[in-house]
Amino acid sequence: MAPQSNPDKPPQPGFPSQYKPPEGGIFTILPTSWVPYAELMRLDRPAGYYAFYWHYIIGLSFAACIAVPPPTPSTLAILATYLAFWVLVLRGAVCTWNDNLDQSFDRKVTRTRFRPIARGAVSTIQAHVFTLFQLIVGTIILIPLPAECSVYAGIMTIILVIYPLGKRFTDFPQAILGLGFALPIFMCCAIFNSDPWLQNNAGSDPEIKSAHLTAALFLYFAGALWTMIFDTIYAHQDINDDKKVGIRSLSVFLGGRTKPVLSILATIQVALLVAVGFKCQFSTVYFMGGCTGAAAALFAMLRFVNLQNPTSCAWWFGSCSRLVGGSIAVGLLLEYILRL
């Protein structure tokens, strides 16, 4: 079916008034019939991909710090590249599922009304088949990894499948998303046989294993809070439309209290990151690179983002998310290098 615009939907500043196919990158070589499926995977919107992928980089870096023996840098680089493909497929499956369930909402929201299913470029059945195909590919990608990784991947997938339903029955879909996005912390530990839940980490020393488990939990909840903060900022792009069509979210729930509440969550996130360092007896490089860098980026975003401006919300979501994720990852990687 040909893409259709919605003449009854008045254009708003910052959003296109009619559908325009993505340009550049992979879209210059894709057959026209494949473009809607690439859009479903959000290949034209990498900011969300990085927001998900940072959790894997952080998970790998943390796991490398506590693994006995530590992995080689080349092994770390290969796994980071390998998991990048897994994230691409999983994100595509989750976004396709989300768009299929939300298609009636998407048609009424300015920012999303030209998504492939909402505009009729992909049917409901086609989207379900495409979701299943991506999940099968993702499962195949995980086969070479330890079986424990599939356990966490399965839990993660279930949580992310539930996420779209959270918009209908709760004001906290961002919390559901955060609990799913942060699971790579444990999944990556399992890759190096250093998962404090499922593996006999650090030999048979129960004290070290307990410390690593506590640190992993701290890092997990820090990641969950990070996702809640950034996705709430992102959701402010649609807050007026969401109120009209009945979509529930933290942005709608908090309203004018968004910045104060997110500031509290950001403070807790940084405190958890600091606690990770103390539990694992990390050096100063982790605290300076990981904790201080993340705190500065979060403070800057919450100070300068304009929640009434969709462009500002989108920019801070992408740019500041990279700064926070990069800071934490750099801090952990420097710690890993010192421990080699």
Protein backbone atom coordinates (compact mmCIF):
# COMPACT_ATOMS: atom_id res chain seq x y z
CA MET A 1 0.00 0.00 0.00
CA ALA A 2 1.36 3.43 -0.84
CA PRO A 3 2.34 5.73 2.07
CA GLN A 4 -0.40 8.17 2.93
CA SER A 5 -0.26 11.44 4.83
CA ASN A 6 -2.95 12.46 7.27
CA PRO A 7 -4.63 15.65 6.02
CA ASP A 8 -6.62 15.98 9.24
CA LYS A 9 -3.48 16.13 11.34
CA PRO A 10 -2.06 19.68 11.39
CA PRO A 11 1.73 19.87 11.13
CA GLN A 12 3.64 20.92 14.23
CA PRO A 13 7.02 22.65 14.45
CA GLY A 14 9.88 20.17 14.35
CA PHE A 15 7.90 17.38 12.65
CA PRO A 16 7.34 16.72 8.91
CA SER A 17 3.91 17.49 7.46
CA GLN A 18 4.10 14.59 5.01
CA TYR A 19 6.01 11.34 4.68
CA LYS A 20 9.56 11.50 3.32
CA PRO A 21 11.57 8.29 2.80
CA PRO A 22 14.86 8.13 4.72
CA GLU A 23 17.93 9.17 2.78
CA GLY A 24 21.61 8.29 3.06
CA GLY A 25 23.42 5.33 4.54
CA ILE A 26 22.00 1.89 3.84
CA PHE A 27 18.84 3.43 2.39
CA THR A 28 20.75 4.43 -0.76
CA ILE A 29 21.21 0.76 -1.72
CA LEU A 30 18.07 -0.90 -0.34
CA PRO A 31 15.30 -1.93 -2.75
CA THR A 32 12.26 0.30 -2.31
CA SER A 33 10.14 -2.60 -1.01
CA TRP A 34 12.65 -3.17 1.83
CA VAL A 35 12.64 0.42 3.07
CA PRO A 36 9.57 0.09 5.35
CA TYR A 37 11.14 -2.93 7.07
CA ALA A 38 14.39 -1.06 7.59
CA GLU A 39 12.32 1.75 9.10
CA LEU A 40 10.63 -0.75 11.41
CA MET A 41 14.12 -1.72 12.61
CA ARG A 42 14.84 2.02 13.11
CA LEU A 43 17.91 1.82 10.88
CA ASP A 44 17.28 5.48 10.11
CA ARG A 45 17.32 6.39 13.82
CA PRO A 46 20.59 5.23 15.40
CA ALA A 47 20.19 7.18 18.66
CA GLY A 48 17.90 4.51 20.11
CA TYR A 49 20.30 1.78 19.00
CA TYR A 50 23.19 3.35 20.89
CA ALA A 51 21.00 3.90 23.95
CA PHE A 52 20.51 0.10 24.01
CA TYR A 53 23.99 -0.92 22.90
CA TRP A 54 25.78 1.11 25.61
CA HIS A 55 24.45 -1.36 28.18
CA TYR A 56 26.34 -4.16 26.41
CA ILE A 57 29.58 -2.18 26.26
CA ILE A 58 29.22 -1.37 29.96
CA GLY A 59 28.33 -4.99 30.74
CA LEU A 60 31.34 -6.32 28.84
CA SER A 61 33.64 -3.79 30.51
CA PHE A 62 32.35 -4.62 33.99
CA ALA A 63 32.54 -8.36 33.34
CA ALA A 64 36.12 -7.95 32.11
CA CYS A 65 37.01 -6.20 35.38
CA ILE A 66 35.74 -9.02 37.60
CA ALA A 67 36.47 -12.06 35.39
CA VAL A 68 39.13 -14.54 36.56
CA PRO A 69 41.25 -14.62 34.47
CA PRO A 70 40.44 -11.37 32.65
CA PRO A 71 39.75 -11.62 28.90
CA THR A 72 42.25 -10.31 26.39
CA PRO A 73 41.58 -6.95 24.72
CA SER A 74 41.12 -8.70 21.36
CA THR A 75 38.48 -11.01 22.85
CA LEU A 76 36.70 -8.00 24.29
CA ALA A 77 36.71 -6.22 20.93
CA ILE A 78 35.42 -9.28 19.06
CA LEU A 79 32.58 -9.76 21.53
CA ALA A 80 31.65 -6.07 21.37
CA THR A 81 31.39 -6.35 17.58
CA TYR A 82 29.48 -9.63 17.75
CA LEU A 83 26.94 -8.27 20.23
CA ALA A 84 26.47 -5.18 18.06
CA PHE A 85 24.71 -7.41 15.50
CA TRP A 86 22.60 -9.04 18.22
CA VAL A 87 21.46 -5.62 19.44
CA LEU A 88 20.60 -4.57 15.88
CA VAL A 89 18.32 -7.58 15.45
CA LEU A 90 16.78 -7.52 18.94
CA ARG A 91 16.08 -3.81 18.74
CA GLY A 92 14.49 -4.33 15.33
CA ALA A 93 12.23 -7.08 16.65
CA VAL A 94 11.19 -5.05 19.68
CA CYS A 95 10.50 -1.91 17.63
CA THR A 96 8.48 -3.88 15.08
CA TRP A 97 6.41 -5.47 17.84
CA ASN A 98 5.94 -2.10 19.53
CA ASP A 99 4.81 -0.40 16.30
CA ASN A 100 2.37 -3.21 15.55
CA LEU A 101 0.70 -2.99 18.95
CA ASP A 102 0.75 0.83 18.94
CA GLN A 103 -0.38 1.40 15.35
CA SER A 104 -3.74 2.90 16.35
CA PHE A 105 -1.97 5.30 18.73
CA ASP A 106 0.79 6.09 16.23
CA ARG A 107 -1.70 7.37 13.66
CA LYS A 108 -2.86 10.00 16.18
CA VAL A 109 0.59 11.16 17.34
CA THR A 110 2.38 13.77 15.24
CA ARG A 111 5.87 12.27 15.53
CA THR A 112 4.84 8.68 14.77
CA ARG A 113 2.01 8.96 12.25
CA PHE A 114 4.28 8.08 9.31
CA ARG A 115 5.72 4.90 10.79
CA PRO A 116 5.42 2.01 8.29
CA ILE A 117 2.50 0.17 9.91
CA ALA A 118 0.65 3.34 10.86
CA ARG A 119 0.80 4.69 7.30
CA GLY A 120 -0.11 1.34 5.74
CA ALA A 121 3.22 0.45 4.11
CA VAL A 122 3.39 -2.79 6.15
CA SER A 123 0.35 -4.81 7.19
CA THR A 124 -0.26 -6.18 10.68
CA ILE A 125 0.37 -9.76 9.52
CA GLN A 126 3.54 -8.80 7.67
CA ALA A 127 4.83 -7.05 10.76
CA HIS A 128 4.18 -10.08 12.98
CA VAL A 129 5.99 -12.34 10.50
CA PHE A 130 8.90 -9.88 10.40
CA THR A 131 9.04 -9.82 14.21
CA LEU A 132 9.20 -13.62 14.33
CA PHE A 133 11.89 -13.69 11.64
CA GLN A 134 14.07 -11.25 13.61
CA LEU A 135 13.64 -13.23 16.82
CA ILE A 136 14.73 -16.41 15.03
CA VAL A 137 17.82 -14.65 13.64
CA GLY A 138 18.59 -13.28 17.10
CA THR A 139 18.33 -16.75 18.62
CA ILE A 140 20.77 -18.11 16.02
CA ILE A 141 23.24 -15.33 16.81
CA LEU A 142 23.29 -16.38 20.48
CA ILE A 143 24.07 -20.06 19.81
CA PRO A 144 27.91 -19.72 20.07
CA LEU A 145 27.63 -17.97 23.46
CA PRO A 146 27.23 -19.77 26.83
CA ALA A 147 23.74 -21.12 27.50
CA GLU A 148 23.29 -18.71 30.42
CA CYS A 149 23.31 -15.83 27.93
CA SER A 150 20.16 -17.22 26.32
CA VAL A 151 18.47 -17.27 29.73
CA TYR A 152 19.05 -13.55 30.18
CA ALA A 153 18.21 -12.85 26.52
CA GLY A 154 14.89 -14.68 26.99
CA ILE A 155 14.02 -12.71 30.12
CA MET A 156 15.02 -9.48 28.38
CA THR A 157 12.85 -10.25 25.37
CA ILE A 158 9.82 -11.03 27.54
CA ILE A 159 10.19 -7.73 29.42
CA LEU A 160 10.55 -5.74 26.20
CA VAL A 161 7.54 -7.50 24.68
CA ILE A 162 5.51 -6.44 27.73
CA TYR A 163 6.74 -2.83 27.47
CA PRO A 164 4.15 -1.59 24.91
CA LEU A 165 1.36 -2.89 27.14
CA GLY A 166 2.72 -0.81 29.99
CA LYS A 167 1.64 2.34 28.15
CA ARG A 168 -1.94 1.18 28.49
CA PHE A 169 -2.10 -0.09 32.08
CA THR A 170 0.54 1.83 34.05
CA ASP A 171 2.18 5.23 34.28
CA PHE A 172 5.62 3.62 34.42
CA PRO A 173 6.42 2.03 31.03
CA GLN A 174 9.89 3.61 31.25
CA ALA A 175 10.55 1.51 34.36
CA ILE A 176 9.62 -1.66 32.45
CA LEU A 177 11.91 -0.62 29.60
CA GLY A 178 14.73 0.10 32.05
CA LEU A 179 14.51 -3.32 33.69
CA GLY A 180 14.86 -4.93 30.26
CA PHE A 181 17.58 -2.65 28.90
CA ALA A 182 19.85 -3.18 31.92
CA LEU A 183 19.92 -6.99 31.78
CA PRO A 184 23.04 -7.07 29.54
CA ILE A 185 25.03 -6.46 32.73
CA PHE A 186 24.36 -10.07 33.78
CA MET A 187 24.29 -11.43 30.24
CA CYS A 188 27.81 -10.12 29.58
CA CYS A 189 29.08 -11.49 32.89
CA ALA A 190 27.80 -14.91 31.81
CA ILE A 191 29.90 -14.70 28.64
CA PHE A 192 33.08 -14.65 30.74
CA ASN A 193 31.81 -17.22 33.28
CA SER A 194 31.78 -14.45 35.87
CA ASP A 195 28.05 -14.16 36.45
CA PRO A 196 27.61 -14.01 40.24
CA TRP A 197 24.07 -15.42 39.90
CA LEU A 198 24.72 -18.50 37.79
CA GLN A 199 28.49 -19.07 37.90
CA ASN A 200 31.08 -19.86 40.56
CA ASN A 201 32.73 -16.48 40.14
CA ALA A 202 36.24 -15.80 41.47
CA GLY A 203 36.93 -19.41 42.35
CA SER A 204 35.29 -20.55 45.56
CA ASP A 205 35.71 -17.34 47.57
CA PRO A 206 32.16 -16.55 48.77
CA GLU A 207 33.13 -13.07 49.98
CA ILE A 208 34.36 -11.96 46.56
CA LYS A 209 31.38 -13.58 44.86
CA SER A 210 29.01 -11.75 47.21
CA ALA A 211 30.76 -8.43 46.54
CA HIS A 212 30.55 -8.95 42.78
CA LEU A 213 26.87 -9.88 42.99
CA THR A 214 26.10 -6.74 44.96
CA ALA A 215 28.12 -4.62 42.53
CA ALA A 216 26.35 -6.19 39.53
CA LEU A 217 22.97 -5.44 41.10
CA PHE A 218 24.03 -1.84 41.75
CA LEU A 219 25.15 -1.49 38.13
CA TYR A 220 21.94 -3.13 36.90
CA PHE A 221 19.69 -0.69 38.76
CA ALA A 222 21.91 2.24 37.73
CA GLY A 223 21.33 1.18 34.12
CA ALA A 224 17.60 0.84 34.69
CA LEU A 225 17.41 4.35 36.17
CA TRP A 226 19.48 5.71 33.31
CA THR A 227 16.96 4.33 30.80
CA MET A 228 14.05 5.72 32.80
CA ILE A 229 15.62 9.18 32.82
CA PHE A 230 16.43 9.33 29.13
CA ASP A 231 13.23 7.72 27.87
CA THR A 232 11.17 10.12 29.97
CA ILE A 233 13.00 13.03 28.35
CA TYR A 234 12.41 11.43 24.94
CA ALA A 235 8.70 10.91 25.67
CA HIS A 236 8.25 14.63 26.28
CA GLN A 237 8.31 15.05 22.49
CA ASP A 238 4.83 13.50 22.36
CA ILE A 239 3.37 14.58 25.68
CA ASN A 240 0.51 16.67 24.25
CA ASP A 241 -0.55 13.98 21.79
CA ASP A 242 -0.14 11.27 24.44
CA LYS A 243 -2.54 13.08 26.74
CA LYS A 244 -5.12 13.37 23.98
CA VAL A 245 -5.04 9.72 22.89
CA GLY A 246 -4.62 8.19 26.35
CA ILE A 247 -1.03 6.95 26.22
CA ARG A 248 0.39 6.70 29.73
CA SER A 249 4.02 7.42 30.57
CA LEU A 250 6.27 8.96 33.19
CA SER A 251 6.38 12.18 31.18
CA VAL A 252 2.58 12.49 31.35
CA PHE A 253 2.46 11.35 34.97
CA LEU A 254 5.14 13.76 36.19
CA GLY A 255 4.18 16.79 34.13
CA GLY A 256 5.80 19.86 35.68
CA ARG A 257 7.65 17.71 38.22
CA THR A 258 9.77 15.96 35.59
CA LYS A 259 13.07 17.74 36.21
CA PRO A 260 12.99 17.54 40.04
CA VAL A 261 12.06 13.85 40.00
CA LEU A 262 14.59 12.95 37.32
CA SER A 263 17.24 14.85 39.27
CA ILE A 264 16.57 12.56 42.23
CA LEU A 265 16.78 9.49 40.00
CA ALA A 266 20.03 10.77 38.47
CA THR A 267 21.51 11.29 41.93
CA ILE A 268 20.60 7.72 42.90
CA GLN A 269 22.10 6.47 39.62
CA VAL A 270 25.42 8.17 40.29
CA ALA A 271 25.40 6.94 43.91
CA LEU A 272 24.91 3.37 42.63
CA LEU A 273 27.83 3.79 40.22
CA VAL A 274 30.02 4.97 43.10
CA ALA A 275 28.88 2.00 45.19
CA VAL A 276 29.93 -0.35 42.36
CA GLY A 277 33.45 1.03 42.59
CA PHE A 278 33.66 0.61 46.33
CA LYS A 279 32.26 -2.92 46.25
CA CYS A 280 34.76 -4.03 43.60
CA GLN A 281 37.61 -1.95 45.06
CA PHE A 282 38.09 -0.08 41.82
CA SER A 283 40.78 2.58 41.47
CA THR A 284 40.51 6.33 41.04
CA VAL A 285 40.33 6.08 37.24
CA TYR A 286 36.90 4.47 37.46
CA PHE A 287 35.52 7.09 39.84
CA MET A 288 36.93 9.99 37.82
CA GLY A 289 36.07 8.63 34.39
CA GLY A 290 32.87 6.69 35.04
CA CYS A 291 31.17 8.38 37.95
CA THR A 292 32.23 12.01 37.54
CA GLY A 293 31.71 11.96 33.77
CA ALA A 294 28.22 10.46 34.06
CA ALA A 295 27.25 12.91 36.81
CA ALA A 296 28.40 15.91 34.76
CA ALA A 297 26.49 14.77 31.67
CA LEU A 298 23.30 14.11 33.63
CA PHE A 299 23.52 17.48 35.39
CA ALA A 300 24.01 19.29 32.07
CA MET A 301 21.02 17.57 30.46
CA LEU A 302 18.63 18.19 33.33
CA ARG A 303 19.80 21.79 33.55
CA PHE A 304 19.58 22.72 29.87
CA VAL A 305 16.99 20.46 28.19
CA ASN A 306 13.81 22.32 27.19
CA LEU A 307 10.98 19.88 27.85
CA GLN A 308 8.56 22.03 25.83
CA ASN A 309 10.77 21.77 22.73
CA PRO A 310 10.68 18.38 20.94
CA THR A 311 13.95 19.14 19.12
CA SER A 312 15.71 19.83 22.42
CA CYS A 313 14.35 16.61 23.95
CA ALA A 314 15.50 14.54 20.97
CA TRP A 315 18.96 16.15 20.93
CA TRP A 316 19.63 15.64 24.63
CA PHE A 317 18.30 12.09 24.45
CA GLY A 318 20.83 11.17 21.79
CA SER A 319 23.84 13.30 22.67
CA CYS A 320 23.71 13.06 26.44
CA SER A 321 22.95 9.35 26.37
CA ARG A 322 26.21 8.85 24.50
CA LEU A 323 28.09 10.98 27.03
CA VAL A 324 26.72 9.06 30.02
CA GLY A 325 27.24 5.65 28.44
CA GLY A 326 30.67 6.59 27.15
CA SER A 327 31.77 7.91 30.53
CA ILE A 328 30.76 4.76 32.39
CA ALA A 329 32.30 2.51 29.73
CA VAL A 330 35.58 4.46 29.67
CA GLY A 331 35.83 4.33 33.46
CA LEU A 332 35.33 0.56 33.47
CA LEU A 333 37.67 -0.02 30.54
CA LEU A 334 40.45 1.99 32.21
CA GLU A 335 39.93 -0.10 35.32
CA TYR A 336 40.11 -3.26 33.21
CA ILE A 337 43.38 -2.13 31.63
CA LEU A 338 44.89 -1.48 35.06
CA ARG A 339 43.88 -4.98 36.19
CA LEU A 340 45.36 -6.82 33.20
